[in-house]
Amino acid sequence: MCALHIYIYIYIVRWQYQFETNGFCGDALDTLNVVVIKINPKAWPDTLICPGQPVQLFSAGGYEYNWLSSKYLTDSTLQNPIANPEKTFPFIVKISKGKCFKMDTALINVHPKPQQIIEPEYTIHYGESVLLDLNHDFSYSWRPATYLSCKNCPITNSKPEEDILYYFSYQDSKSCLLTDSIKINVIFPLYIANTLTPNGDGKNDIFYAKSYLVKKFEMDIFDRWGIHLFHSDDINYGWDGTYKGNLQQQDVYVWKIRYTKIHSKKIIQQVGHVNLIK
C-alpha cells in the first residue's frame, strides 16, 4: 500500500515520466503518465457570395462541433452545416475534444443588394393603384403579372382587386441573381342593400352587408319605434325580415353596423335604412 501511482489523462500526445520515492516501506519506482490534448481548429471557407446564395461550412480538428450562432444555419450542431446568410456574417465554431476546446471562424462576406427606393408593403383601398418604381439600372421580371401594367419593367403600375404578393427578379452588376418581394394589401368597401323583398324568388330575400374581407362585424336591425328585431356578428348571416318567426310588415327599418376592415384597426360605424317590400 506504500507505492505511489499517479495518472493524468489529457489525450493525444503522451509523455511518460519515471520517478523514485523513498518511505518507511522502502524505495519504489513509479511512473507518471501525462497525456496532452492538441486541437488544431479549422473552419472554412472565408468567401464572398451573392445574397441568398447557400454555402456549406466546414470544420475540423476535434471530436465535437457546435456553431455558436444558429442564425442562417440549417443545424448549428452539425460539423459541416449549410449557411444562407442575408448579410456578411462571421460563423464561429467551438471545436472540442473532451473538456478542451478551441474556436475558429469562417467569415462569409455577402455582396450588398442594390438600393431599391421602394416599400416592402403597401396598403390601399379597393380601386386605388400603386406605382412600383425600382432601380432603373437593371432589367426585371415580375411574377405574377396579375394587375400589372408591365411585367418586365423597372416601373409598373398595380391596381389589384385582392391582396397580392409580387416577386421581382433581376441580375445586379456583380452577376448576382436576386429576388425580392412587395406585398399589397387591399381594404375593401362594405356594400349594403337598400331593399329587402323576402318573397322567395332568390333576389334580395336576405338583407346582408357584403365585403370581401372584414375582420370584425356586428349588425342590428330596429323598427321605426326602436324595437330591436335582429342581431348578427357574422357578415354571412343576414336578416330575413322576420321577428320571433313572424314576417314583419312592409315598412322602413333602421340598421346599425359596426365593423373593422382587414389591414385596419379603425372601428367603423354606419347607420342607414332598408325598405322591406312584400
C-alpha atoms as a PDB file:
ATOM      1  CA  MET A   1       0.000   0.000   0.000  1.00  0.00           C
ATOM      2  CA  CYS A   2       3.048   2.258   0.090  1.00  0.00           C
ATOM      3  CA  ALA A   3       3.655   2.552  -3.677  1.00  0.00           C
ATOM      4  CA  LEU A   4       2.533   5.805  -5.322  1.00  0.00           C
ATOM      5  CA  HIS A   5       0.803   5.693  -8.695  1.00  0.00           C
ATOM      6  CA  ILE A   6      -0.195   8.946 -10.455  1.00  0.00           C
ATOM      7  CA  TYR A   7      -2.051   9.064 -13.779  1.00  0.00           C
ATOM      8  CA  ILE A   8      -3.105  12.283 -15.551  1.00  0.00           C
ATOM      9  CA  TYR A   9      -5.156  11.774 -18.752  1.00  0.00           C
ATOM     10  CA  ILE A  10      -5.341  14.633 -21.257  1.00  0.00           C
ATOM     11  CA  TYR A  11      -5.342  12.561 -24.525  1.00  0.00           C
ATOM     12  CA  ILE A  12      -3.416  12.501 -27.824  1.00  0.00           C
ATOM     13  CA  VAL A  13       0.236  13.303 -27.039  1.00  0.00           C
ATOM     14  CA  ARG A  14       1.690  11.014 -24.385  1.00  0.00           C
ATOM     15  CA  TRP A  15       4.593  11.773 -22.082  1.00  0.00           C
ATOM     16  CA  GLN A  16       5.852   9.258 -19.545  1.00  0.00           C
ATOM     17  CA  TYR A  17       7.952  10.091 -16.510  1.00  0.00           C
ATOM     18  CA  GLN A  18       9.536   7.665 -14.061  1.00  0.00           C
ATOM     19  CA  PHE A  19      10.347   8.701 -10.518  1.00  0.00           C
ATOM     20  CA  GLU A  20      11.665   7.059  -7.362  1.00  0.00           C
ATOM     21  CA  THR A  21      10.085   7.504  -3.935  1.00  0.00           C
ATOM     22  CA  ASN A  22      11.580   6.713  -0.552  1.00  0.00           C
ATOM     23  CA  GLY A  23       9.483   5.846   2.504  1.00  0.00           C
ATOM     24  CA  PHE A  24       9.215   3.653   5.592  1.00  0.00           C
ATOM     25  CA  CYS A  25       8.349   0.718   3.423  1.00  0.00           C
ATOM     26  CA  GLY A  26      11.456   1.174   1.307  1.00  0.00           C
ATOM     27  CA  ASP A  27      12.179   2.540  -2.098  1.00  0.00           C
ATOM     28  CA  ALA A  28       9.730   2.425  -5.007  1.00  0.00           C
ATOM     29  CA  LEU A  29       9.920   3.218  -8.692  1.00  0.00           C
ATOM     30  CA  ASP A  30       6.738   4.539 -10.250  1.00  0.00           C
ATOM     31  CA  THR A  31       5.525   6.100 -13.473  1.00  0.00           C
ATOM     32  CA  LEU A  32       3.663   9.325 -14.182  1.00  0.00           C
ATOM     33  CA  ASN A  33       1.763   9.311 -17.482  1.00  0.00           C
ATOM     34  CA  VAL A  34       0.845  12.711 -18.898  1.00  0.00           C
ATOM     35  CA  VAL A  35      -1.401  12.834 -21.953  1.00  0.00           C
ATOM     36  CA  VAL A  36      -1.802  16.249 -23.611  1.00  0.00           C
ATOM     37  CA  ILE A  37      -4.704  17.229 -25.851  1.00  0.00           C
ATOM     38  CA  LYS A  38      -3.798  19.001 -29.066  1.00  0.00           C
ATOM     39  CA  ILE A  39      -6.550  20.741 -31.028  1.00  0.00           C
ATOM     40  CA  ASN A  40      -5.824  22.268 -34.392  1.00  0.00           C
ATOM     41  CA  PRO A  41      -9.099  24.115 -35.048  1.00  0.00           C
ATOM     42  CA  LYS A  42     -10.103  24.742 -38.632  1.00  0.00           C
ATOM     43  CA  ALA A  43     -13.199  26.433 -40.014  1.00  0.00           C
ATOM     44  CA  TRP A  44     -13.667  27.408 -43.624  1.00  0.00           C
ATOM     45  CA  PRO A  45     -14.317  28.828 -46.198  1.00  0.00           C
ATOM     46  CA  ASP A  46     -13.717  32.546 -45.936  1.00  0.00           C
ATOM     47  CA  THR A  47     -15.515  33.578 -49.089  1.00  0.00           C
ATOM     48  CA  LEU A  48     -17.661  36.136 -50.885  1.00  0.00           C
ATOM     49  CA  ILE A  49     -21.159  35.167 -52.069  1.00  0.00           C
ATOM     50  CA  CYS A  50     -24.302  36.671 -53.576  1.00  0.00           C
ATOM     51  CA  PRO A  51     -27.302  37.446 -51.348  1.00  0.00           C
ATOM     52  CA  GLY A  52     -29.440  34.342 -50.905  1.00  0.00           C
ATOM     53  CA  GLN A  53     -26.680  32.008 -52.100  1.00  0.00           C
ATOM     54  CA  PRO A  54     -26.251  28.940 -49.846  1.00  0.00           C
ATOM     55  CA  VAL A  55     -22.731  27.887 -48.893  1.00  0.00           C
ATOM     56  CA  GLN A  56     -21.512  24.834 -46.997  1.00  0.00           C
ATOM     57  CA  LEU A  57     -19.353  25.471 -43.957  1.00  0.00           C
ATOM     58  CA  PHE A  58     -16.615  23.061 -42.922  1.00  0.00           C
ATOM     59  CA  SER A  59     -14.791  22.476 -39.656  1.00  0.00           C
ATOM     60  CA  ALA A  60     -12.136  20.034 -38.453  1.00  0.00           C
ATOM     61  CA  GLY A  61      -9.708  19.309 -35.648  1.00  0.00           C
ATOM     62  CA  GLY A  62     -11.958  17.921 -32.929  1.00  0.00           C
ATOM     63  CA  TYR A  63     -14.498  15.318 -31.910  1.00  0.00           C
ATOM     64  CA  GLU A  64     -17.483  17.585 -31.330  1.00  0.00           C
ATOM     65  CA  TYR A  65     -18.586  20.761 -33.113  1.00  0.00           C
ATOM     66  CA  ASN A  66     -21.001  23.487 -32.099  1.00  0.00           C
ATOM     67  CA  TRP A  67     -21.546  26.647 -34.136  1.00  0.00           C
ATOM     68  CA  LEU A  68     -22.194  29.437 -31.644  1.00  0.00           C
ATOM     69  CA  SER A  69     -24.999  31.077 -33.612  1.00  0.00           C
ATOM     70  CA  SER A  70     -27.814  29.162 -35.272  1.00  0.00           C
ATOM     71  CA  LYS A  71     -28.702  32.227 -37.350  1.00  0.00           C
ATOM     72  CA  TYR A  72     -28.607  31.488 -41.079  1.00  0.00           C
ATOM     73  CA  LEU A  73     -27.639  27.810 -40.425  1.00  0.00           C
ATOM     74  CA  THR A  74     -29.514  24.609 -41.217  1.00  0.00           C
ATOM     75  CA  ASP A  75     -28.248  22.987 -37.989  1.00  0.00           C
ATOM     76  CA  SER A  76     -25.715  24.547 -35.622  1.00  0.00           C
ATOM     77  CA  THR A  77     -24.771  21.128 -34.178  1.00  0.00           C
ATOM     78  CA  LEU A  78     -23.505  19.723 -37.496  1.00  0.00           C
ATOM     79  CA  GLN A  79     -19.810  19.659 -38.283  1.00  0.00           C
ATOM     80  CA  ASN A  80     -20.458  20.924 -41.821  1.00  0.00           C
ATOM     81  CA  PRO A  81     -23.799  22.790 -41.942  1.00  0.00           C
ATOM     82  CA  ILE A  82     -25.301  24.802 -44.779  1.00  0.00           C
ATOM     83  CA  ALA A  83     -25.326  28.582 -44.297  1.00  0.00           C
ATOM     84  CA  ASN A  84     -27.554  31.049 -46.108  1.00  0.00           C
ATOM     85  CA  PRO A  85     -26.633  34.486 -44.719  1.00  0.00           C
ATOM     86  CA  GLU A  86     -28.519  37.599 -45.770  1.00  0.00           C
ATOM     87  CA  LYS A  87     -25.514  39.788 -44.990  1.00  0.00           C
ATOM     88  CA  THR A  88     -21.815  39.463 -44.117  1.00  0.00           C
ATOM     89  CA  PHE A  89     -21.604  37.211 -41.071  1.00  0.00           C
ATOM     90  CA  PRO A  90     -18.818  35.549 -39.018  1.00  0.00           C
ATOM     91  CA  PHE A  91     -19.681  31.911 -38.291  1.00  0.00           C
ATOM     92  CA  ILE A  92     -17.819  30.885 -35.125  1.00  0.00           C
ATOM     93  CA  VAL A  93     -17.470  27.185 -34.290  1.00  0.00           C
ATOM     94  CA  LYS A  94     -16.491  25.618 -30.960  1.00  0.00           C
ATOM     95  CA  ILE A  95     -14.283  22.577 -31.635  1.00  0.00           C
ATOM     96  CA  SER A  96     -13.975  20.213 -28.699  1.00  0.00           C
ATOM     97  CA  LYS A  97     -12.014  17.188 -27.559  1.00  0.00           C
ATOM     98  CA  GLY A  98     -13.230  16.008 -24.198  1.00  0.00           C
ATOM     99  CA  LYS A  99     -13.375  19.034 -21.915  1.00  0.00           C
ATOM    100  CA  CYS A 100     -10.935  21.027 -24.003  1.00  0.00           C
ATOM    101  CA  PHE A 101     -11.974  23.254 -26.874  1.00  0.00           C
ATOM    102  CA  LYS A 102     -10.826  25.968 -29.225  1.00  0.00           C
ATOM    103  CA  MET A 103     -12.633  28.360 -31.553  1.00  0.00           C
ATOM    104  CA  ASP A 104     -12.306  29.222 -35.186  1.00  0.00           C
ATOM    105  CA  THR A 105     -14.270  31.369 -37.614  1.00  0.00           C
ATOM    106  CA  ALA A 106     -15.474  31.103 -41.195  1.00  0.00           C
ATOM    107  CA  LEU A 107     -16.202  34.593 -42.482  1.00  0.00           C
ATOM    108  CA  ILE A 108     -18.858  34.733 -45.186  1.00  0.00           C
ATOM    109  CA  ASN A 109     -18.968  38.084 -46.943  1.00  0.00           C
ATOM    110  CA  VAL A 110     -22.165  38.885 -48.824  1.00  0.00           C
ATOM    111  CA  HIS A 111     -22.406  41.301 -51.736  1.00  0.00           C
ATOM    112  CA  PRO A 112     -24.737  44.148 -50.675  1.00  0.00           C
ATOM    113  CA  LYS A 113     -28.015  44.333 -52.547  1.00  0.00           C
ATOM    114  CA  PRO A 114     -28.504  47.342 -54.834  1.00  0.00           C
ATOM    115  CA  GLN A 115     -30.599  50.021 -53.190  1.00  0.00           C
ATOM    116  CA  GLN A 116     -34.283  49.910 -54.057  1.00  0.00           C
ATOM    117  CA  ILE A 117     -36.241  53.008 -53.051  1.00  0.00           C
ATOM    118  CA  ILE A 118     -39.490  51.165 -52.542  1.00  0.00           C
ATOM    119  CA  GLU A 119     -41.547  49.964 -49.592  1.00  0.00           C
ATOM    120  CA  PRO A 120     -41.837  46.220 -48.895  1.00  0.00           C
ATOM    121  CA  GLU A 121     -45.572  46.562 -48.147  1.00  0.00           C
ATOM    122  CA  TYR A 122     -48.404  48.860 -49.215  1.00  0.00           C
ATOM    123  CA  THR A 123     -51.991  49.141 -48.006  1.00  0.00           C
ATOM    124  CA  ILE A 124     -54.552  50.710 -50.338  1.00  0.00           C
ATOM    125  CA  HIS A 125     -58.313  50.972 -50.686  1.00  0.00           C
ATOM    126  CA  TYR A 126     -60.108  48.970 -53.338  1.00  0.00           C
ATOM    127  CA  GLY A 127     -59.951  50.819 -56.658  1.00  0.00           C
ATOM    128  CA  GLU A 128     -56.679  52.576 -55.883  1.00  0.00           C
ATOM    129  CA  SER A 129     -53.398  51.791 -57.631  1.00  0.00           C
ATOM    130  CA  VAL A 130     -49.741  51.666 -56.610  1.00  0.00           C
ATOM    131  CA  LEU A 131     -46.812  52.827 -58.745  1.00  0.00           C
ATOM    132  CA  LEU A 132     -43.908  50.413 -58.239  1.00  0.00           C
ATOM    133  CA  ASP A 133     -40.676  52.169 -59.193  1.00  0.00           C
ATOM    134  CA  LEU A 134     -37.453  50.106 -58.918  1.00  0.00           C
ATOM    135  CA  ASN A 135     -33.782  50.904 -59.539  1.00  0.00           C
ATOM    136  CA  HIS A 136     -33.549  51.715 -63.259  1.00  0.00           C
ATOM    137  CA  ASP A 137     -30.069  50.198 -63.676  1.00  0.00           C
ATOM    138  CA  PHE A 138     -31.398  46.657 -64.074  1.00  0.00           C
ATOM    139  CA  SER A 139     -33.877  44.584 -66.046  1.00  0.00           C
ATOM    140  CA  TYR A 140     -36.661  42.920 -64.098  1.00  0.00           C
ATOM    141  CA  SER A 141     -39.091  40.065 -64.253  1.00  0.00           C
ATOM    142  CA  TRP A 142     -42.306  40.291 -62.191  1.00  0.00           C
ATOM    143  CA  ARG A 143     -44.470  37.400 -61.018  1.00  0.00           C
ATOM    144  CA  PRO A 144     -47.329  37.050 -61.002  1.00  0.00           C
ATOM    145  CA  ALA A 145     -48.095  39.565 -63.719  1.00  0.00           C
ATOM    146  CA  THR A 146     -51.696  39.887 -62.480  1.00  0.00           C
ATOM    147  CA  TYR A 147     -52.959  43.516 -62.298  1.00  0.00           C
ATOM    148  CA  LEU A 148     -49.580  44.871 -63.518  1.00  0.00           C
ATOM    149  CA  SER A 149     -49.240  47.354 -66.372  1.00  0.00           C
ATOM    150  CA  CYS A 150     -45.831  45.854 -67.316  1.00  0.00           C
ATOM    151  CA  LYS A 151     -44.335  42.518 -66.221  1.00  0.00           C
ATOM    152  CA  ASN A 152     -40.669  43.214 -67.120  1.00  0.00           C
ATOM    153  CA  CYS A 153     -40.203  46.931 -66.465  1.00  0.00           C
ATOM    154  CA  PRO A 154     -38.488  48.782 -63.621  1.00  0.00           C
ATOM    155  CA  ILE A 155     -41.626  50.946 -63.396  1.00  0.00           C
ATOM    156  CA  THR A 156     -45.015  49.264 -63.334  1.00  0.00           C
ATOM    157  CA  ASN A 157     -48.442  50.113 -62.020  1.00  0.00           C
ATOM    158  CA  SER A 158     -50.596  47.723 -59.998  1.00  0.00           C
ATOM    159  CA  LYS A 159     -54.353  48.091 -59.404  1.00  0.00           C
ATOM    160  CA  PRO A 160     -55.119  44.881 -57.513  1.00  0.00           C
ATOM    161  CA  GLU A 161     -58.599  43.587 -56.721  1.00  0.00           C
ATOM    162  CA  GLU A 162     -57.286  41.440 -53.857  1.00  0.00           C
ATOM    163  CA  ASP A 163     -54.301  41.129 -51.528  1.00  0.00           C
ATOM    164  CA  ILE A 164     -51.307  40.141 -53.595  1.00  0.00           C
ATOM    165  CA  LEU A 165     -47.615  39.351 -53.114  1.00  0.00           C
ATOM    166  CA  TYR A 166     -45.334  40.237 -56.025  1.00  0.00           C
ATOM    167  CA  TYR A 167     -41.837  38.832 -56.576  1.00  0.00           C
ATOM    168  CA  PHE A 168     -39.366  40.657 -58.794  1.00  0.00           C
ATOM    169  CA  SER A 169     -36.099  39.135 -60.027  1.00  0.00           C
ATOM    170  CA  TYR A 170     -33.066  40.795 -61.572  1.00  0.00           C
ATOM    171  CA  GLN A 171     -29.309  40.405 -62.059  1.00  0.00           C
ATOM    172  CA  ASP A 172     -27.103  43.042 -60.443  1.00  0.00           C
ATOM    173  CA  SER A 173     -23.717  44.397 -61.525  1.00  0.00           C
ATOM    174  CA  LYS A 174     -21.930  41.548 -59.647  1.00  0.00           C
ATOM    175  CA  SER A 175     -23.862  38.975 -61.741  1.00  0.00           C
ATOM    176  CA  CYS A 176     -25.873  38.010 -58.673  1.00  0.00           C
ATOM    177  CA  LEU A 177     -29.388  36.816 -59.432  1.00  0.00           C
ATOM    178  CA  LEU A 178     -31.630  38.465 -56.859  1.00  0.00           C
ATOM    179  CA  THR A 179     -35.282  38.032 -55.943  1.00  0.00           C
ATOM    180  CA  ASP A 180     -37.257  40.300 -53.639  1.00  0.00           C
ATOM    181  CA  SER A 181     -40.925  40.872 -52.892  1.00  0.00           C
ATOM    182  CA  ILE A 182     -43.575  43.564 -52.437  1.00  0.00           C
ATOM    183  CA  LYS A 183     -46.883  42.973 -50.644  1.00  0.00           C
ATOM    184  CA  ILE A 184     -50.003  44.984 -51.472  1.00  0.00           C
ATOM    185  CA  ASN A 185     -52.917  44.838 -49.042  1.00  0.00           C
ATOM    186  CA  VAL A 186     -56.363  45.859 -50.287  1.00  0.00           C
ATOM    187  CA  ILE A 187     -59.031  47.309 -47.988  1.00  0.00           C
ATOM    188  CA  PHE A 188     -62.479  46.560 -49.384  1.00  0.00           C
ATOM    189  CA  PRO A 189     -65.610  48.705 -49.013  1.00  0.00           C
ATOM    190  CA  LEU A 190     -68.799  47.486 -47.376  1.00  0.00           C
ATOM    191  CA  TYR A 191     -71.777  47.152 -49.716  1.00  0.00           C
ATOM    192  CA  ILE A 192     -75.223  47.460 -48.110  1.00  0.00           C
ATOM    193  CA  ALA A 193     -78.502  46.934 -49.993  1.00  0.00           C
ATOM    194  CA  ASN A 194     -81.393  49.348 -49.506  1.00  0.00           C
ATOM    195  CA  THR A 195     -84.221  46.920 -50.273  1.00  0.00           C
ATOM    196  CA  LEU A 196     -85.396  43.617 -48.792  1.00  0.00           C
ATOM    197  CA  THR A 197     -88.009  41.557 -50.684  1.00  0.00           C
ATOM    198  CA  PRO A 198     -88.478  38.262 -48.759  1.00  0.00           C
ATOM    199  CA  ASN A 199     -90.783  36.620 -51.314  1.00  0.00           C
ATOM    200  CA  GLY A 200     -88.687  33.514 -52.017  1.00  0.00           C
ATOM    201  CA  ASP A 201     -87.672  34.448 -55.561  1.00  0.00           C
ATOM    202  CA  GLY A 202     -83.966  34.298 -54.668  1.00  0.00           C
ATOM    203  CA  LYS A 203     -83.455  38.036 -55.139  1.00  0.00           C
ATOM    204  CA  ASN A 204     -82.959  40.241 -52.079  1.00  0.00           C
ATOM    205  CA  ASP A 205     -84.625  37.630 -49.849  1.00  0.00           C
ATOM    206  CA  ILE A 206     -81.975  38.256 -47.155  1.00  0.00           C
ATOM    207  CA  PHE A 207     -80.629  41.621 -46.053  1.00  0.00           C
ATOM    208  CA  TYR A 208     -76.809  41.389 -45.974  1.00  0.00           C
ATOM    209  CA  ALA A 209     -73.858  43.666 -45.664  1.00  0.00           C
ATOM    210  CA  LYS A 210     -71.237  42.438 -48.104  1.00  0.00           C
ATOM    211  CA  SER A 211     -67.478  42.868 -48.257  1.00  0.00           C
ATOM    212  CA  TYR A 212     -64.557  40.776 -49.443  1.00  0.00           C
ATOM    213  CA  LEU A 213     -62.534  40.977 -46.233  1.00  0.00           C
ATOM    214  CA  VAL A 214     -63.842  42.137 -42.851  1.00  0.00           C
ATOM    215  CA  LYS A 215     -62.100  41.369 -39.571  1.00  0.00           C
ATOM    216  CA  LYS A 216     -64.921  42.148 -37.082  1.00  0.00           C
ATOM    217  CA  PHE A 217     -68.609  42.685 -37.801  1.00  0.00           C
ATOM    218  CA  GLU A 218     -71.883  43.407 -35.963  1.00  0.00           C
ATOM    219  CA  MET A 219     -75.292  44.322 -37.389  1.00  0.00           C
ATOM    220  CA  ASP A 220     -78.534  45.250 -35.614  1.00  0.00           C
ATOM    221  CA  ILE A 221     -81.996  45.886 -37.099  1.00  0.00           C
ATOM    222  CA  PHE A 222     -84.663  48.115 -35.486  1.00  0.00           C
ATOM    223  CA  ASP A 223     -88.190  49.080 -36.461  1.00  0.00           C
ATOM    224  CA  ARG A 224     -89.333  52.701 -36.626  1.00  0.00           C
ATOM    225  CA  TRP A 225     -90.263  52.606 -32.904  1.00  0.00           C
ATOM    226  CA  GLY A 226     -86.779  51.429 -31.898  1.00  0.00           C
ATOM    227  CA  ILE A 227     -87.682  47.813 -31.140  1.00  0.00           C
ATOM    228  CA  HIS A 228     -84.630  45.595 -31.644  1.00  0.00           C
ATOM    229  CA  LEU A 229     -85.531  42.918 -34.208  1.00  0.00           C
ATOM    230  CA  PHE A 230     -82.275  41.257 -35.221  1.00  0.00           C
ATOM    231  CA  HIS A 231     -78.568  40.929 -34.340  1.00  0.00           C
ATOM    232  CA  SER A 232     -75.705  39.314 -36.243  1.00  0.00           C
ATOM    233  CA  ASP A 233     -71.966  39.123 -35.579  1.00  0.00           C
ATOM    234  CA  ASP A 234     -71.328  37.214 -38.802  1.00  0.00           C
ATOM    235  CA  ILE A 235     -71.256  39.106 -42.086  1.00  0.00           C
ATOM    236  CA  ASN A 236     -72.554  35.968 -43.824  1.00  0.00           C
ATOM    237  CA  TYR A 237     -75.652  35.825 -41.576  1.00  0.00           C
ATOM    238  CA  GLY A 238     -78.315  38.348 -42.633  1.00  0.00           C
ATOM    239  CA  TRP A 239     -81.865  39.340 -41.752  1.00  0.00           C
ATOM    240  CA  ASP A 240     -84.766  37.533 -43.441  1.00  0.00           C
ATOM    241  CA  GLY A 241     -87.376  40.149 -42.496  1.00  0.00           C
ATOM    242  CA  THR A 242     -88.813  38.213 -39.545  1.00  0.00           C
ATOM    243  CA  TYR A 243     -89.054  38.853 -35.828  1.00  0.00           C
ATOM    244  CA  LYS A 244     -89.715  35.899 -33.489  1.00  0.00           C
ATOM    245  CA  GLY A 245     -90.597  33.854 -36.534  1.00  0.00           C
ATOM    246  CA  ASN A 246     -93.103  36.347 -37.960  1.00  0.00           C
ATOM    247  CA  LEU A 247     -92.576  38.209 -41.200  1.00  0.00           C
ATOM    248  CA  GLN A 248     -92.635  41.935 -40.494  1.00  0.00           C
ATOM    249  CA  GLN A 249     -94.886  44.419 -42.237  1.00  0.00           C
ATOM    250  CA  GLN A 250     -93.865  46.418 -45.249  1.00  0.00           C
ATOM    251  CA  ASP A 251     -92.040  49.420 -43.849  1.00  0.00           C
ATOM    252  CA  VAL A 252     -88.694  51.212 -43.500  1.00  0.00           C
ATOM    253  CA  TYR A 253     -86.298  49.675 -40.949  1.00  0.00           C
ATOM    254  CA  VAL A 254     -83.138  51.039 -39.388  1.00  0.00           C
ATOM    255  CA  TRP A 255     -79.839  49.142 -39.474  1.00  0.00           C
ATOM    256  CA  LYS A 256     -76.709  49.843 -37.449  1.00  0.00           C
ATOM    257  CA  ILE A 257     -73.426  48.221 -38.483  1.00  0.00           C
ATOM    258  CA  ARG A 258     -70.037  48.248 -36.744  1.00  0.00           C
ATOM    259  CA  TYR A 259     -67.050  46.645 -38.408  1.00  0.00           C
ATOM    260  CA  THR A 260     -63.284  46.622 -38.735  1.00  0.00           C
ATOM    261  CA  LYS A 261     -61.670  46.065 -42.097  1.00  0.00           C
ATOM    262  CA  ILE A 262     -58.748  43.753 -42.706  1.00  0.00           C
ATOM    263  CA  HIS A 263     -55.425  45.707 -42.642  1.00  0.00           C
ATOM    264  CA  SER A 264     -57.027  48.395 -40.453  1.00  0.00           C
ATOM    265  CA  LYS A 265     -57.579  48.851 -36.704  1.00  0.00           C
ATOM    266  CA  LYS A 266     -60.254  51.522 -37.078  1.00  0.00           C
ATOM    267  CA  ILE A 267     -63.788  50.611 -35.917  1.00  0.00           C
ATOM    268  CA  ILE A 268     -66.293  51.974 -38.414  1.00  0.00           C
ATOM    269  CA  GLN A 269     -69.965  52.537 -37.508  1.00  0.00           C
ATOM    270  CA  GLN A 270     -72.681  53.176 -40.071  1.00  0.00           C
ATOM    271  CA  VAL A 271     -76.415  53.751 -39.764  1.00  0.00           C
ATOM    272  CA  GLY A 272     -78.932  53.510 -42.584  1.00  0.00           C
ATOM    273  CA  HIS A 273     -82.375  52.342 -43.740  1.00  0.00           C
ATOM    274  CA  VAL A 274     -83.669  49.313 -45.599  1.00  0.00           C
ATOM    275  CA  ASN A 275     -87.067  49.101 -47.247  1.00  0.00           C
ATOM    276  CA  LEU A 276     -88.929  45.843 -46.594  1.00  0.00           C
ATOM    277  CA  ILE A 277     -91.229  45.265 -49.577  1.00  0.00           C
ATOM    278  CA  LYS A 278     -93.652  42.323 -49.769  1.00  0.00           C
END
